[in-house]
Amino acid sequence: MKPNPAECCDGEKSGDAMIIQLESNFMLLGDRDLASIDFDRPSITLVDLLDEISARSSNTMHFLTRDGTGLDESWVVEVNGCSCATLPNGIKTSLQDGDRVTIKLSLICGG
């Protein structure tokens, strides 16, 4: 059986609800951090997760490109330690209960 692309590490889907573990290098909700997020449905995509975090944030955060087809270059997103860019379905990757998603601001250097 072929593993789910979101399962770069151990992970198993369970029941009708799911919890996604979160890590970041900034406060995800603008004024406070978020260590995990619960969903009352059995399946979500990375896009769904990013949209939900944006909706809950006190700051205006846009993780996706204007046309919504890709990740904005200001962000680095990993699912279970695997870069979103290397996942076969990219931002449309289905997440599983217990997956760990890391969202970081990309370091932009100039001179």
C-alpha atoms as a PDB file:
ATOM      1  CA  MET A   1       0.000   0.000   0.000  1.00  0.00           C
ATOM      2  CA  LYS A   2       1.360   3.396  -0.995  1.00  0.00           C
ATOM      3  CA  PRO A   3       1.882   5.798   1.971  1.00  0.00           C
ATOM      4  CA  ASN A   4       0.021   9.083   2.148  1.00  0.00           C
ATOM      5  CA  PRO A   5       2.286  11.918   0.905  1.00  0.00           C
ATOM      6  CA  ALA A   6       1.618  13.813   4.135  1.00  0.00           C
ATOM      7  CA  GLU A   7       3.143  10.954   6.102  1.00  0.00           C
ATOM      8  CA  CYS A   8       6.847  11.698   5.839  1.00  0.00           C
ATOM      9  CA  CYS A   9       7.045  10.639   9.449  1.00  0.00           C
ATOM     10  CA  ASP A  10       4.729   8.342  11.425  1.00  0.00           C
ATOM     11  CA  GLY A  11       1.081   9.303  11.284  1.00  0.00           C
ATOM     12  CA  GLU A  12      -2.263   7.584  11.251  1.00  0.00           C
ATOM     13  CA  LYS A  13      -5.711   8.898  10.503  1.00  0.00           C
ATOM     14  CA  SER A  14      -8.356   8.351  13.167  1.00  0.00           C
ATOM     15  CA  GLY A  15     -12.100   8.906  13.554  1.00  0.00           C
ATOM     16  CA  ASP A  16     -14.164  11.842  12.320  1.00  0.00           C
ATOM     17  CA  ALA A  17     -12.100  14.530  14.042  1.00  0.00           C
ATOM     18  CA  MET A  18      -8.473  15.422  13.728  1.00  0.00           C
ATOM     19  CA  ILE A  19      -5.793  17.437  15.465  1.00  0.00           C
ATOM     20  CA  ILE A  20      -2.928  19.021  13.551  1.00  0.00           C
ATOM     21  CA  GLN A  21       0.174  19.915  15.576  1.00  0.00           C
ATOM     22  CA  LEU A  22       1.694  23.309  14.715  1.00  0.00           C
ATOM     23  CA  GLU A  23       5.145  24.870  14.990  1.00  0.00           C
ATOM     24  CA  SER A  24       6.258  28.320  13.890  1.00  0.00           C
ATOM     25  CA  ASN A  25       8.936  30.974  14.321  1.00  0.00           C
ATOM     26  CA  PHE A  26       6.307  33.659  15.016  1.00  0.00           C
ATOM     27  CA  MET A  27       2.972  33.950  16.821  1.00  0.00           C
ATOM     28  CA  LEU A  28       0.541  32.241  14.457  1.00  0.00           C
ATOM     29  CA  LEU A  29      -2.508  34.189  15.594  1.00  0.00           C
ATOM     30  CA  GLY A  30      -0.750  37.537  15.750  1.00  0.00           C
ATOM     31  CA  ASP A  31      -1.311  38.167  19.444  1.00  0.00           C
ATOM     32  CA  ARG A  32      -0.875  34.604  20.680  1.00  0.00           C
ATOM     33  CA  ASP A  33       0.611  31.319  19.554  1.00  0.00           C
ATOM     34  CA  LEU A  34      -1.190  28.147  18.571  1.00  0.00           C
ATOM     35  CA  ALA A  35       0.317  24.712  19.319  1.00  0.00           C
ATOM     36  CA  SER A  36      -2.408  22.675  17.620  1.00  0.00           C
ATOM     37  CA  ILE A  37      -5.681  23.076  15.812  1.00  0.00           C
ATOM     38  CA  ASP A  38      -8.720  20.789  15.930  1.00  0.00           C
ATOM     39  CA  PHE A  39     -11.012  20.068  13.010  1.00  0.00           C
ATOM     40  CA  ASP A  40     -14.384  18.363  13.316  1.00  0.00           C
ATOM     41  CA  ARG A  41     -14.054  16.664   9.963  1.00  0.00           C
ATOM     42  CA  PRO A  42     -11.991  13.635   8.963  1.00  0.00           C
ATOM     43  CA  SER A  43     -10.053  15.241   6.123  1.00  0.00           C
ATOM     44  CA  ILE A  44      -8.487  18.611   5.362  1.00  0.00           C
ATOM     45  CA  THR A  45      -5.830  19.867   2.997  1.00  0.00           C
ATOM     46  CA  LEU A  46      -2.868  22.088   3.741  1.00  0.00           C
ATOM     47  CA  VAL A  47      -4.782  24.920   1.999  1.00  0.00           C
ATOM     48  CA  ASP A  48      -7.713  24.400   4.423  1.00  0.00           C
ATOM     49  CA  LEU A  49      -5.332  24.607   7.385  1.00  0.00           C
ATOM     50  CA  LEU A  50      -3.613  27.764   6.134  1.00  0.00           C
ATOM     51  CA  ASP A  51      -6.982  29.404   5.414  1.00  0.00           C
ATOM     52  CA  GLU A  52      -8.219  28.533   8.928  1.00  0.00           C
ATOM     53  CA  ILE A  53      -5.110  30.006  10.570  1.00  0.00           C
ATOM     54  CA  SER A  54      -5.481  33.167   8.450  1.00  0.00           C
ATOM     55  CA  ALA A  55      -9.139  33.487   9.474  1.00  0.00           C
ATOM     56  CA  ARG A  56      -8.307  33.117  13.188  1.00  0.00           C
ATOM     57  CA  SER A  57      -5.331  35.505  13.157  1.00  0.00           C
ATOM     58  CA  SER A  58      -5.591  39.027  14.530  1.00  0.00           C
ATOM     59  CA  ASN A  59      -3.137  40.091  11.809  1.00  0.00           C
ATOM     60  CA  THR A  60      -3.767  39.967   8.096  1.00  0.00           C
ATOM     61  CA  MET A  61      -1.816  36.947   6.933  1.00  0.00           C
ATOM     62  CA  HIS A  62      -1.821  35.607   3.415  1.00  0.00           C
ATOM     63  CA  PHE A  63      -0.012  32.312   3.050  1.00  0.00           C
ATOM     64  CA  LEU A  64      -1.010  31.723  -0.561  1.00  0.00           C
ATOM     65  CA  THR A  65      -0.239  33.524  -3.791  1.00  0.00           C
ATOM     66  CA  ARG A  66      -2.903  35.957  -5.023  1.00  0.00           C
ATOM     67  CA  ASP A  67      -4.397  33.359  -7.356  1.00  0.00           C
ATOM     68  CA  GLY A  68      -4.425  30.782  -4.529  1.00  0.00           C
ATOM     69  CA  THR A  69      -2.499  28.168  -6.488  1.00  0.00           C
ATOM     70  CA  GLY A  70       0.762  28.219  -4.562  1.00  0.00           C
ATOM     71  CA  LEU A  71       2.519  29.183  -1.379  1.00  0.00           C
ATOM     72  CA  ASP A  72       3.608  32.820  -1.133  1.00  0.00           C
ATOM     73  CA  GLU A  73       7.410  33.059  -1.192  1.00  0.00           C
ATOM     74  CA  SER A  74       7.389  34.784   2.215  1.00  0.00           C
ATOM     75  CA  TRP A  75       6.576  31.465   3.887  1.00  0.00           C
ATOM     76  CA  VAL A  76       8.278  28.112   4.409  1.00  0.00           C
ATOM     77  CA  VAL A  77       5.806  25.331   5.201  1.00  0.00           C
ATOM     78  CA  GLU A  78       6.650  21.738   6.107  1.00  0.00           C
ATOM     79  CA  VAL A  79       4.436  18.733   6.746  1.00  0.00           C
ATOM     80  CA  ASN A  80       6.071  16.223   9.093  1.00  0.00           C
ATOM     81  CA  GLY A  81       9.476  17.704   8.277  1.00  0.00           C
ATOM     82  CA  CYS A  82       8.991  17.591   4.486  1.00  0.00           C
ATOM     83  CA  SER A  83       8.925  20.844   2.544  1.00  0.00           C
ATOM     84  CA  CYS A  84       5.565  21.623   0.984  1.00  0.00           C
ATOM     85  CA  ALA A  85       7.434  22.164  -2.292  1.00  0.00           C
ATOM     86  CA  THR A  86       8.553  18.504  -2.341  1.00  0.00           C
ATOM     87  CA  LEU A  87       5.165  16.967  -1.564  1.00  0.00           C
ATOM     88  CA  PRO A  88       3.504  15.456  -4.666  1.00  0.00           C
ATOM     89  CA  ASN A  89       0.304  17.468  -4.123  1.00  0.00           C
ATOM     90  CA  GLY A  90       1.966  20.585  -2.699  1.00  0.00           C
ATOM     91  CA  ILE A  91      -0.524  22.831  -0.901  1.00  0.00           C
ATOM     92  CA  LYS A  92      -3.338  20.444  -1.828  1.00  0.00           C
ATOM     93  CA  THR A  93      -1.769  17.659   0.275  1.00  0.00           C
ATOM     94  CA  SER A  94      -4.303  15.910   2.495  1.00  0.00           C
ATOM     95  CA  LEU A  95      -3.395  16.106   6.162  1.00  0.00           C
ATOM     96  CA  GLN A  96      -3.897  13.278   8.618  1.00  0.00           C
ATOM     97  CA  ASP A  97      -4.761  13.300  12.320  1.00  0.00           C
ATOM     98  CA  GLY A  98      -1.561  13.982  14.282  1.00  0.00           C
ATOM     99  CA  ASP A  99       0.422  15.498  11.403  1.00  0.00           C
ATOM    100  CA  ARG A 100       2.870  18.239  12.360  1.00  0.00           C
ATOM    101  CA  VAL A 101       2.849  21.372  10.215  1.00  0.00           C
ATOM    102  CA  THR A 102       5.649  23.895  10.564  1.00  0.00           C
ATOM    103  CA  ILE A 103       5.045  27.420   9.286  1.00  0.00           C
ATOM    104  CA  LYS A 104       7.963  29.837   9.221  1.00  0.00           C
ATOM    105  CA  LEU A 105       8.542  33.305   7.910  1.00  0.00           C
ATOM    106  CA  SER A 106      11.169  33.033   5.207  1.00  0.00           C
ATOM    107  CA  LEU A 107      14.370  34.870   6.035  1.00  0.00           C
ATOM    108  CA  ILE A 108      14.858  37.546   3.428  1.00  0.00           C
ATOM    109  CA  CYS A 109      18.258  39.177   3.361  1.00  0.00           C
ATOM    110  CA  GLY A 110      19.249  42.216   1.410  1.00  0.00           C
ATOM    111  CA  GLY A 111      22.125  44.512   1.190  1.00  0.00           C
END
